[in-house]
Amino acid sequence: MAEYVLTPEKNEQPSGLQLLEELHRRGFPVEIHVKGEDRKWEAIRFSEPGPPEVECILSYDAEAGLYTAFVSQDAPPSAVELQVFLVDSLLRELGGRADNTNTRERFTPEQFAEKIRHHHGPARKLGDYLWIGFSWLVVLLASLMYFIIAPNLQHLVLVILFLAFLSAVLQTVTHIKN
C-alpha cells in the first residue's frame, strides 16, 4: 500500500465534511463514509464508483496524534492523485509534516505543495498557453476577415471577433491570476 503518515502541528481534527468540500473544490467527485462523529472520527473512506474504483482511506490514531492516508498497491492513478491532494489539504490546514512510508521522504507543507506543483504544473501550463494562443489567433484571423469579407457578412464576423476577443481576454486574465 502507498501510505503517507501525517504528524500535525495543530491538535484539532478537521471535519469530514470540510475535507469533502475541499476535495470537491479540487475536482474530485468523491463520497465519504465516516467511522465516528464528524469531528471525532477514527477513519474516513473517500471513494468514487468505478471502473476503476477510486478509494483512499484516512485514519486517525488519537493516542499517537497521527493521520494515515493510504491507497491499495494496485490503486489507479486517480486514487493516488486523490491521496496526494488529501494529504496536501491536511498539511495546509494542520501544518506539521508528512512522511511517505514507501519512499522514506519527509515533507513540510511548503515542500509538499512544491512537489504537487512540480508534478502537475508543467502539463497544465503548456495546455493553457496553447488555448490562449489559439484564442488570440482566432481574434487576429477574425480581424483580418472583417476587412476582406463582403460588407453584408461583416456583422457576422464582428460578432465572432467580439466573442473571440472576450474569450482570449478572459483566458489570459485567468491565467495571470492563477
N, C-alpha and C. Protein backbone atom coordinates (compact mmCIF):
# COMPACT_ATOMS: atom_id res chain seq x y z
N MET A 1 0.82 -1.18 0.00
CA MET A 1 0.00 0.00 0.00
C MET A 1 0.87 1.25 0.00
N ALA A 2 0.46 2.24 -0.80
CA ALA A 2 1.10 3.54 -0.75
C ALA A 2 0.53 4.26 0.47
N GLU A 3 1.40 4.86 1.27
CA GLU A 3 0.95 5.39 2.55
C GLU A 3 1.69 6.67 2.91
N TYR A 4 0.93 7.65 3.40
CA TYR A 4 1.51 8.87 3.97
C TYR A 4 1.09 8.93 5.43
N VAL A 5 2.05 9.23 6.30
CA VAL A 5 1.76 9.43 7.72
C VAL A 5 1.98 10.90 8.01
N LEU A 6 0.94 11.55 8.52
CA LEU A 6 0.97 12.98 8.78
C LEU A 6 1.08 13.24 10.28
N THR A 7 2.11 13.99 10.67
CA THR A 7 2.29 14.41 12.06
C THR A 7 1.91 15.89 12.11
N PRO A 8 0.71 16.21 12.62
CA PRO A 8 0.24 17.60 12.57
C PRO A 8 0.82 18.47 13.67
N GLU A 9 0.83 19.79 13.42
CA GLU A 9 1.22 20.76 14.45
C GLU A 9 0.01 21.10 15.32
N LYS A 10 -1.16 21.20 14.71
CA LYS A 10 -2.39 21.54 15.43
C LYS A 10 -3.07 20.26 15.91
N ASN A 11 -3.72 20.36 17.06
CA ASN A 11 -4.38 19.19 17.63
C ASN A 11 -5.84 19.06 17.22
N GLU A 12 -6.41 20.06 16.56
CA GLU A 12 -7.81 19.97 16.18
C GLU A 12 -7.99 19.08 14.96
N GLN A 13 -9.03 18.28 15.01
CA GLN A 13 -9.29 17.34 13.93
C GLN A 13 -10.23 18.00 12.92
N PRO A 14 -9.89 17.97 11.62
CA PRO A 14 -10.78 18.56 10.62
C PRO A 14 -12.05 17.72 10.48
N SER A 15 -13.14 18.38 10.13
CA SER A 15 -14.39 17.64 9.94
C SER A 15 -14.36 16.90 8.61
N GLY A 16 -15.08 15.80 8.56
CA GLY A 16 -15.18 15.04 7.32
C GLY A 16 -15.79 15.86 6.20
N LEU A 17 -16.82 16.65 6.54
CA LEU A 17 -17.47 17.50 5.53
C LEU A 17 -16.52 18.55 4.99
N GLN A 18 -15.69 19.09 5.86
CA GLN A 18 -14.71 20.09 5.44
C GLN A 18 -13.72 19.49 4.44
N LEU A 19 -13.25 18.30 4.72
CA LEU A 19 -12.33 17.62 3.80
C LEU A 19 -13.03 17.29 2.49
N LEU A 20 -14.28 16.85 2.57
CA LEU A 20 -15.05 16.52 1.37
C LEU A 20 -15.23 17.76 0.49
N GLU A 21 -15.58 18.88 1.10
CA GLU A 21 -15.76 20.13 0.34
C GLU A 21 -14.47 20.55 -0.35
N GLU A 22 -13.35 20.41 0.36
CA GLU A 22 -12.05 20.78 -0.23
C GLU A 22 -11.72 19.89 -1.42
N LEU A 23 -11.98 18.59 -1.30
CA LEU A 23 -11.70 17.68 -2.42
C LEU A 23 -12.64 17.95 -3.59
N HIS A 24 -13.89 18.28 -3.32
CA HIS A 24 -14.81 18.66 -4.40
C HIS A 24 -14.33 19.93 -5.09
N ARG A 25 -13.86 20.88 -4.30
CA ARG A 25 -13.34 22.12 -4.87
C ARG A 25 -12.15 21.85 -5.80
N ARG A 26 -11.38 20.85 -5.46
CA ARG A 26 -10.21 20.49 -6.27
C ARG A 26 -10.55 19.55 -7.44
N GLY A 27 -11.84 19.22 -7.58
CA GLY A 27 -12.26 18.45 -8.75
C GLY A 27 -12.40 16.95 -8.54
N PHE A 28 -12.46 16.50 -7.30
CA PHE A 28 -12.64 15.07 -7.04
C PHE A 28 -14.08 14.81 -6.61
N PRO A 29 -14.88 14.15 -7.45
CA PRO A 29 -16.28 13.89 -7.12
C PRO A 29 -16.43 12.66 -6.22
N VAL A 30 -15.86 12.72 -5.05
CA VAL A 30 -15.83 11.56 -4.15
C VAL A 30 -16.98 11.61 -3.14
N GLU A 31 -17.25 10.45 -2.57
CA GLU A 31 -18.18 10.31 -1.46
C GLU A 31 -17.36 9.95 -0.23
N ILE A 32 -17.93 10.18 0.96
CA ILE A 32 -17.21 9.79 2.17
C ILE A 32 -18.08 8.89 3.03
N HIS A 33 -17.41 8.02 3.77
CA HIS A 33 -18.03 7.18 4.77
C HIS A 33 -17.19 7.39 6.03
N VAL A 34 -17.82 8.00 7.04
CA VAL A 34 -17.11 8.38 8.25
C VAL A 34 -17.36 7.34 9.34
N LYS A 35 -16.29 6.87 9.96
CA LYS A 35 -16.41 5.97 11.12
C LYS A 35 -16.20 6.84 12.36
N GLY A 36 -17.28 7.12 13.05
CA GLY A 36 -17.25 8.01 14.20
C GLY A 36 -18.07 9.25 13.91
N GLU A 37 -17.91 10.26 14.75
CA GLU A 37 -18.62 11.53 14.59
C GLU A 37 -17.85 12.43 13.63
N ASP A 38 -18.51 13.53 13.22
CA ASP A 38 -17.91 14.40 12.21
C ASP A 38 -16.58 15.00 12.65
N ARG A 39 -16.46 15.41 13.89
CA ARG A 39 -15.20 16.00 14.37
C ARG A 39 -14.42 15.08 15.30
N LYS A 40 -14.90 13.86 15.50
CA LYS A 40 -14.19 12.87 16.33
C LYS A 40 -14.24 11.53 15.61
N TRP A 41 -13.67 11.50 14.43
CA TRP A 41 -13.72 10.28 13.63
C TRP A 41 -12.46 9.46 13.80
N GLU A 42 -12.60 8.17 13.54
CA GLU A 42 -11.45 7.27 13.59
C GLU A 42 -10.89 7.04 12.18
N ALA A 43 -11.81 7.00 11.21
CA ALA A 43 -11.39 6.77 9.82
C ALA A 43 -12.44 7.35 8.87
N ILE A 44 -11.96 7.77 7.71
CA ILE A 44 -12.84 8.25 6.64
C ILE A 44 -12.44 7.53 5.36
N ARG A 45 -13.41 6.96 4.69
CA ARG A 45 -13.17 6.31 3.40
C ARG A 45 -13.67 7.25 2.32
N PHE A 46 -12.76 7.71 1.47
CA PHE A 46 -13.09 8.55 0.32
C PHE A 46 -13.18 7.62 -0.88
N SER A 47 -14.30 7.66 -1.59
CA SER A 47 -14.45 6.73 -2.71
C SER A 47 -15.22 7.37 -3.85
N GLU A 48 -14.97 6.83 -5.02
CA GLU A 48 -15.69 7.20 -6.23
C GLU A 48 -15.95 5.90 -6.98
N PRO A 49 -17.24 5.63 -7.31
CA PRO A 49 -17.54 4.38 -8.01
C PRO A 49 -16.79 4.29 -9.34
N GLY A 50 -16.45 3.09 -9.74
CA GLY A 50 -15.63 2.87 -10.93
C GLY A 50 -16.45 2.47 -12.12
N PRO A 51 -15.88 1.87 -13.08
CA PRO A 51 -14.49 1.44 -13.10
C PRO A 51 -13.57 2.57 -13.54
N PRO A 52 -12.38 2.63 -13.10
CA PRO A 52 -11.84 1.91 -11.96
C PRO A 52 -12.33 2.58 -10.67
N GLU A 53 -12.54 1.79 -9.66
CA GLU A 53 -13.00 2.33 -8.39
C GLU A 53 -11.84 3.06 -7.72
N VAL A 54 -12.14 4.27 -7.27
CA VAL A 54 -11.14 5.10 -6.61
C VAL A 54 -11.44 5.06 -5.12
N GLU A 55 -10.41 4.75 -4.33
CA GLU A 55 -10.61 4.66 -2.88
C GLU A 55 -9.34 5.11 -2.16
N CYS A 56 -9.54 5.93 -1.15
CA CYS A 56 -8.44 6.36 -0.29
C CYS A 56 -8.98 6.36 1.14
N ILE A 57 -8.23 5.78 2.05
CA ILE A 57 -8.64 5.68 3.45
C ILE A 57 -7.77 6.62 4.28
N LEU A 58 -8.43 7.45 5.08
CA LEU A 58 -7.73 8.33 6.00
C LEU A 58 -8.09 7.89 7.41
N SER A 59 -7.09 7.53 8.20
CA SER A 59 -7.36 7.10 9.57
C SER A 59 -6.65 8.04 10.54
N TYR A 60 -7.18 8.08 11.77
CA TYR A 60 -6.60 8.94 12.80
C TYR A 60 -6.34 8.10 14.05
N ASP A 61 -5.11 8.15 14.50
CA ASP A 61 -4.72 7.47 15.73
C ASP A 61 -4.69 8.53 16.83
N ALA A 62 -5.74 8.53 17.67
CA ALA A 62 -5.88 9.57 18.70
C ALA A 62 -4.76 9.52 19.73
N GLU A 63 -4.30 8.34 20.07
CA GLU A 63 -3.24 8.20 21.07
C GLU A 63 -1.92 8.79 20.59
N ALA A 64 -1.56 8.49 19.34
CA ALA A 64 -0.30 8.99 18.79
C ALA A 64 -0.47 10.37 18.15
N GLY A 65 -1.73 10.77 17.85
CA GLY A 65 -1.97 12.05 17.19
C GLY A 65 -1.54 12.06 15.74
N LEU A 66 -1.58 10.91 15.07
CA LEU A 66 -1.12 10.78 13.69
C LEU A 66 -2.28 10.46 12.74
N TYR A 67 -2.18 11.01 11.54
CA TYR A 67 -3.11 10.69 10.47
C TYR A 67 -2.38 9.80 9.47
N THR A 68 -3.09 8.83 8.91
CA THR A 68 -2.51 7.97 7.89
C THR A 68 -3.45 7.94 6.69
N ALA A 69 -2.93 8.28 5.53
CA ALA A 69 -3.70 8.23 4.28
C ALA A 69 -3.08 7.13 3.42
N PHE A 70 -3.90 6.15 3.04
CA PHE A 70 -3.33 5.08 2.22
C PHE A 70 -4.31 4.64 1.13
N VAL A 71 -3.70 4.15 0.07
CA VAL A 71 -4.42 3.55 -1.06
C VAL A 71 -3.80 2.18 -1.30
N SER A 72 -4.53 1.31 -1.94
CA SER A 72 -4.01 -0.04 -2.19
C SER A 72 -2.86 0.00 -3.19
N GLN A 73 -2.07 -1.05 -3.19
CA GLN A 73 -0.89 -1.12 -4.07
C GLN A 73 -1.28 -1.07 -5.55
N ASP A 74 -2.44 -1.66 -5.89
CA ASP A 74 -2.87 -1.68 -7.29
C ASP A 74 -3.89 -0.58 -7.60
N ALA A 75 -3.85 0.49 -6.82
CA ALA A 75 -4.79 1.60 -7.00
C ALA A 75 -4.54 2.30 -8.33
N PRO A 76 -5.63 2.78 -8.97
CA PRO A 76 -5.45 3.53 -10.23
C PRO A 76 -4.79 4.88 -9.94
N PRO A 77 -4.22 5.51 -10.96
CA PRO A 77 -3.56 6.80 -10.76
C PRO A 77 -4.47 7.86 -10.14
N SER A 78 -5.77 7.81 -10.44
CA SER A 78 -6.68 8.80 -9.87
C SER A 78 -6.80 8.65 -8.36
N ALA A 79 -6.66 7.42 -7.83
CA ALA A 79 -6.70 7.21 -6.38
C ALA A 79 -5.43 7.77 -5.73
N VAL A 80 -4.30 7.58 -6.37
CA VAL A 80 -3.04 8.12 -5.84
C VAL A 80 -3.09 9.65 -5.86
N GLU A 81 -3.66 10.21 -6.93
CA GLU A 81 -3.79 11.66 -7.01
C GLU A 81 -4.72 12.18 -5.91
N LEU A 82 -5.81 11.47 -5.66
CA LEU A 82 -6.72 11.82 -4.57
C LEU A 82 -5.97 11.81 -3.24
N GLN A 83 -5.17 10.79 -3.00
CA GLN A 83 -4.39 10.68 -1.77
C GLN A 83 -3.45 11.87 -1.62
N VAL A 84 -2.77 12.22 -2.68
CA VAL A 84 -1.80 13.33 -2.63
C VAL A 84 -2.50 14.65 -2.30
N PHE A 85 -3.64 14.91 -2.95
CA PHE A 85 -4.35 16.16 -2.68
C PHE A 85 -5.00 16.16 -1.30
N LEU A 86 -5.39 15.00 -0.79
CA LEU A 86 -5.91 14.91 0.56
C LEU A 86 -4.82 15.23 1.58
N VAL A 87 -3.64 14.68 1.39
CA VAL A 87 -2.51 14.97 2.28
C VAL A 87 -2.15 16.45 2.20
N ASP A 88 -2.18 17.02 1.00
CA ASP A 88 -1.89 18.44 0.85
C ASP A 88 -2.91 19.28 1.61
N SER A 89 -4.18 18.92 1.53
CA SER A 89 -5.23 19.66 2.25
C SER A 89 -5.00 19.59 3.76
N LEU A 90 -4.66 18.41 4.24
CA LEU A 90 -4.40 18.25 5.68
C LEU A 90 -3.17 19.06 6.11
N LEU A 91 -2.12 19.04 5.32
CA LEU A 91 -0.91 19.79 5.66
C LEU A 91 -1.20 21.30 5.69
N ARG A 92 -2.00 21.77 4.74
CA ARG A 92 -2.33 23.20 4.72
C ARG A 92 -3.15 23.60 5.94
N GLU A 93 -4.04 22.72 6.35
CA GLU A 93 -4.92 23.04 7.46
C GLU A 93 -4.26 22.82 8.82
N LEU A 94 -3.51 21.73 8.97
CA LEU A 94 -2.98 21.36 10.28
C LEU A 94 -1.50 21.65 10.46
N GLY A 95 -0.78 21.91 9.36
CA GLY A 95 0.66 22.10 9.46
C GLY A 95 1.34 20.76 9.74
N GLY A 96 2.57 20.82 10.19
CA GLY A 96 3.29 19.60 10.53
C GLY A 96 4.12 19.07 9.38
N ARG A 97 4.18 17.74 9.28
CA ARG A 97 4.98 17.12 8.22
C ARG A 97 4.29 15.83 7.78
N ALA A 98 4.59 15.44 6.55
CA ALA A 98 4.05 14.19 6.00
C ALA A 98 5.22 13.31 5.60
N ASP A 99 5.12 12.04 5.97
CA ASP A 99 6.16 11.06 5.64
C ASP A 99 5.57 10.05 4.67
N ASN A 100 6.24 9.87 3.53
CA ASN A 100 5.86 8.82 2.59
C ASN A 100 6.59 7.56 3.04
N THR A 101 5.83 6.56 3.50
CA THR A 101 6.46 5.37 4.07
C THR A 101 7.13 4.49 3.01
N ASN A 102 6.70 4.62 1.76
CA ASN A 102 7.32 3.81 0.69
C ASN A 102 8.67 4.36 0.26
N THR A 103 8.75 5.67 0.10
CA THR A 103 9.99 6.28 -0.40
C THR A 103 10.86 6.85 0.72
N ARG A 104 10.33 6.85 1.95
CA ARG A 104 11.04 7.39 3.11
C ARG A 104 11.31 8.89 2.98
N GLU A 105 10.47 9.59 2.22
CA GLU A 105 10.61 11.04 2.07
C GLU A 105 9.79 11.73 3.15
N ARG A 106 10.26 12.89 3.59
CA ARG A 106 9.54 13.70 4.58
C ARG A 106 9.31 15.09 3.96
N PHE A 107 8.08 15.58 4.12
CA PHE A 107 7.70 16.85 3.51
C PHE A 107 7.09 17.80 4.53
N THR A 108 7.47 19.08 4.43
CA THR A 108 6.76 20.14 5.14
C THR A 108 5.61 20.57 4.21
N PRO A 109 4.67 21.38 4.69
CA PRO A 109 3.59 21.84 3.80
C PRO A 109 4.11 22.52 2.53
N GLU A 110 5.15 23.33 2.67
CA GLU A 110 5.70 24.05 1.51
C GLU A 110 6.35 23.07 0.52
N GLN A 111 7.11 22.12 1.04
CA GLN A 111 7.76 21.13 0.17
C GLN A 111 6.73 20.26 -0.55
N PHE A 112 5.66 19.91 0.15
CA PHE A 112 4.63 19.07 -0.46
C PHE A 112 3.91 19.85 -1.56
N ALA A 113 3.60 21.12 -1.30
CA ALA A 113 2.96 21.96 -2.31
C ALA A 113 3.86 22.10 -3.53
N GLU A 114 5.16 22.25 -3.30
CA GLU A 114 6.11 22.34 -4.42
C GLU A 114 6.17 21.04 -5.20
N LYS A 115 6.09 19.91 -4.50
CA LYS A 115 6.08 18.61 -5.17
C LYS A 115 4.86 18.50 -6.08
N ILE A 116 3.71 18.92 -5.60
CA ILE A 116 2.49 18.88 -6.42
C ILE A 116 2.63 19.82 -7.61
N ARG A 117 3.12 21.02 -7.36
CA ARG A 117 3.28 22.00 -8.44
C ARG A 117 4.24 21.47 -9.50
N HIS A 118 5.32 20.84 -9.05
CA HIS A 118 6.30 20.28 -9.98
C HIS A 118 5.72 19.11 -10.76
N HIS A 119 4.92 18.30 -10.09
CA HIS A 119 4.35 17.11 -10.73
C HIS A 119 3.20 17.45 -11.67
N HIS A 120 2.35 18.40 -11.29
CA HIS A 120 1.16 18.70 -12.06
C HIS A 120 1.24 20.00 -12.85
N GLY A 121 2.18 20.86 -12.53
CA GLY A 121 2.21 22.19 -13.12
C GLY A 121 2.52 22.28 -14.60
N PRO A 122 3.63 21.73 -15.11
CA PRO A 122 4.03 22.00 -16.49
C PRO A 122 3.01 21.54 -17.54
N ALA A 123 2.35 20.42 -17.35
CA ALA A 123 1.39 19.95 -18.35
C ALA A 123 0.22 20.90 -18.46
N ARG A 124 -0.23 21.42 -17.34
CA ARG A 124 -1.34 22.36 -17.36
C ARG A 124 -0.93 23.66 -18.02
N LYS A 125 0.24 24.14 -17.71
CA LYS A 125 0.67 25.41 -18.25
C LYS A 125 0.84 25.35 -19.77
N LEU A 126 1.35 24.27 -20.30
CA LEU A 126 1.51 24.15 -21.73
C LEU A 126 0.14 24.18 -22.41
N GLY A 127 -0.82 23.46 -21.87
CA GLY A 127 -2.18 23.47 -22.42
C GLY A 127 -2.81 24.85 -22.32
N ASP A 128 -2.57 25.54 -21.20
CA ASP A 128 -3.10 26.90 -21.04
C ASP A 128 -2.54 27.83 -22.11
N TYR A 129 -1.25 27.75 -22.33
CA TYR A 129 -0.63 28.61 -23.34
C TYR A 129 -1.16 28.30 -24.74
N LEU A 130 -1.39 27.03 -25.02
CA LEU A 130 -1.93 26.67 -26.33
C LEU A 130 -3.32 27.24 -26.54
N TRP A 131 -4.19 27.13 -25.54
CA TRP A 131 -5.55 27.66 -25.67
C TRP A 131 -5.54 29.19 -25.74
N ILE A 132 -4.69 29.83 -24.97
CA ILE A 132 -4.60 31.29 -25.04
C ILE A 132 -4.10 31.72 -26.41
N GLY A 133 -3.07 31.05 -26.90
CA GLY A 133 -2.55 31.36 -28.24
C GLY A 133 -3.60 31.14 -29.32
N PHE A 134 -4.34 30.04 -29.22
CA PHE A 134 -5.40 29.76 -30.19
C PHE A 134 -6.47 30.84 -30.16
N SER A 135 -6.85 31.29 -28.97
CA SER A 135 -7.87 32.34 -28.84
C SER A 135 -7.41 33.64 -29.50
N TRP A 136 -6.17 34.01 -29.24
CA TRP A 136 -5.67 35.25 -29.86
C TRP A 136 -5.49 35.09 -31.37
N LEU A 137 -5.19 33.89 -31.83
CA LEU A 137 -5.11 33.63 -33.26
C LEU A 137 -6.47 33.80 -33.93
N VAL A 138 -7.53 33.31 -33.29
CA VAL A 138 -8.89 33.49 -33.81
C VAL A 138 -9.24 34.98 -33.86
N VAL A 139 -8.84 35.74 -32.85
CA VAL A 139 -9.08 37.18 -32.85
C VAL A 139 -8.38 37.83 -34.04
N LEU A 140 -7.12 37.47 -34.26
CA LEU A 140 -6.36 38.02 -35.38
C LEU A 140 -6.99 37.67 -36.72
N LEU A 141 -7.35 36.39 -36.90
CA LEU A 141 -7.97 35.97 -38.16
C LEU A 141 -9.33 36.63 -38.37
N ALA A 142 -10.11 36.77 -37.33
CA ALA A 142 -11.41 37.45 -37.47
C ALA A 142 -11.22 38.92 -37.82
N SER A 143 -10.19 39.54 -37.26
CA SER A 143 -9.89 40.95 -37.60
C SER A 143 -9.53 41.08 -39.07
N LEU A 144 -8.70 40.17 -39.57
CA LEU A 144 -8.32 40.22 -40.98
C LEU A 144 -9.53 39.93 -41.88
N MET A 145 -10.36 38.97 -41.48
CA MET A 145 -11.53 38.62 -42.29
C MET A 145 -12.53 39.77 -42.36
N TYR A 146 -12.60 40.58 -41.33
CA TYR A 146 -13.53 41.71 -41.33
C TYR A 146 -13.25 42.65 -42.49
N PHE A 147 -11.99 42.87 -42.79
CA PHE A 147 -11.62 43.78 -43.87
C PHE A 147 -11.65 43.12 -45.24
N ILE A 148 -11.57 41.81 -45.31
CA ILE A 148 -11.53 41.09 -46.58
C ILE A 148 -12.91 40.68 -47.06
N ILE A 149 -13.78 40.34 -46.15
CA ILE A 149 -15.07 39.73 -46.49
C ILE A 149 -16.06 40.78 -47.04
N ALA A 150 -17.07 40.29 -47.71
CA ALA A 150 -18.11 41.16 -48.29
C ALA A 150 -18.83 41.94 -47.19
N PRO A 151 -19.25 43.17 -47.47
CA PRO A 151 -19.87 44.02 -46.45
C PRO A 151 -21.12 43.42 -45.80
N ASN A 152 -21.89 42.61 -46.52
CA ASN A 152 -23.10 42.06 -45.91
C ASN A 152 -22.79 40.98 -44.86
N LEU A 153 -21.57 40.43 -44.82
CA LEU A 153 -21.18 39.42 -43.84
C LEU A 153 -20.31 39.98 -42.71
N GLN A 154 -20.01 41.28 -42.77
CA GLN A 154 -19.13 41.88 -41.78
C GLN A 154 -19.74 41.86 -40.37
N HIS A 155 -21.08 41.94 -40.28
CA HIS A 155 -21.71 41.89 -38.96
C HIS A 155 -21.48 40.54 -38.28
N LEU A 156 -21.56 39.46 -39.06
CA LEU A 156 -21.32 38.13 -38.52
C LEU A 156 -19.87 38.00 -38.03
N VAL A 157 -18.94 38.49 -38.85
CA VAL A 157 -17.52 38.42 -38.47
C VAL A 157 -17.26 39.30 -37.25
N LEU A 158 -17.98 40.41 -37.14
CA LEU A 158 -17.82 41.29 -35.99
C LEU A 158 -18.28 40.60 -34.69
N VAL A 159 -19.36 39.82 -34.77
CA VAL A 159 -19.83 39.06 -33.61
C VAL A 159 -18.79 38.01 -33.23
N ILE A 160 -18.26 37.29 -34.22
CA ILE A 160 -17.23 36.29 -33.96
C ILE A 160 -15.99 36.95 -33.36
N LEU A 161 -15.60 38.09 -33.88
CA LEU A 161 -14.46 38.83 -33.37
C LEU A 161 -14.68 39.23 -31.92
N PHE A 162 -15.86 39.72 -31.61
CA PHE A 162 -16.16 40.13 -30.23
C PHE A 162 -16.09 38.94 -29.27
N LEU A 163 -16.71 37.82 -29.64
CA LEU A 163 -16.70 36.64 -28.78
C LEU A 163 -15.28 36.06 -28.62
N ALA A 164 -14.52 36.03 -29.70
CA ALA A 164 -13.15 35.53 -29.63
C ALA A 164 -12.28 36.44 -28.76
N PHE A 165 -12.48 37.75 -28.91
CA PHE A 165 -11.72 38.71 -28.09
C PHE A 165 -12.06 38.55 -26.62
N LEU A 166 -13.34 38.41 -26.31
CA LEU A 166 -13.77 38.22 -24.93
C LEU A 166 -13.17 36.93 -24.35
N SER A 167 -13.21 35.86 -25.12
CA SER A 167 -12.64 34.59 -24.67
C SER A 167 -11.14 34.72 -24.43
N ALA A 168 -10.44 35.33 -25.35
CA ALA A 168 -8.98 35.48 -25.23
C ALA A 168 -8.61 36.32 -24.01
N VAL A 169 -9.32 37.40 -23.80
CA VAL A 169 -9.02 38.27 -22.66
C VAL A 169 -9.29 37.54 -21.35
N LEU A 170 -10.43 36.85 -21.25
CA LEU A 170 -10.76 36.14 -20.02
C LEU A 170 -9.77 35.01 -19.74
N GLN A 171 -9.36 34.27 -20.77
CA GLN A 171 -8.38 33.20 -20.56
C GLN A 171 -7.03 33.77 -20.12
N THR A 172 -6.63 34.88 -20.71
CA THR A 172 -5.36 35.50 -20.37
C THR A 172 -5.38 36.01 -18.92
N VAL A 173 -6.45 36.70 -18.55
CA VAL A 173 -6.57 37.23 -17.19
C VAL A 173 -6.60 36.10 -16.17
N THR A 174 -7.38 35.05 -16.45
CA THR A 174 -7.46 33.91 -15.54
C THR A 174 -6.09 33.25 -15.37
N HIS A 175 -5.36 33.12 -16.47
CA HIS A 175 -4.02 32.50 -16.39
C HIS A 175 -3.08 33.37 -15.57
N ILE A 176 -3.15 34.68 -15.73
CA ILE A 176 -2.27 35.57 -14.99
C ILE A 176 -2.60 35.53 -13.50
N LYS A 177 -3.89 35.50 -13.15
CA LYS A 177 -4.30 35.45 -11.74
C LYS A 177 -3.85 34.18 -11.06
N ASN A 178 -3.88 33.06 -11.78
CA ASN A 178 -3.51 31.78 -11.16
C ASN A 178 -2.03 31.60 -11.27
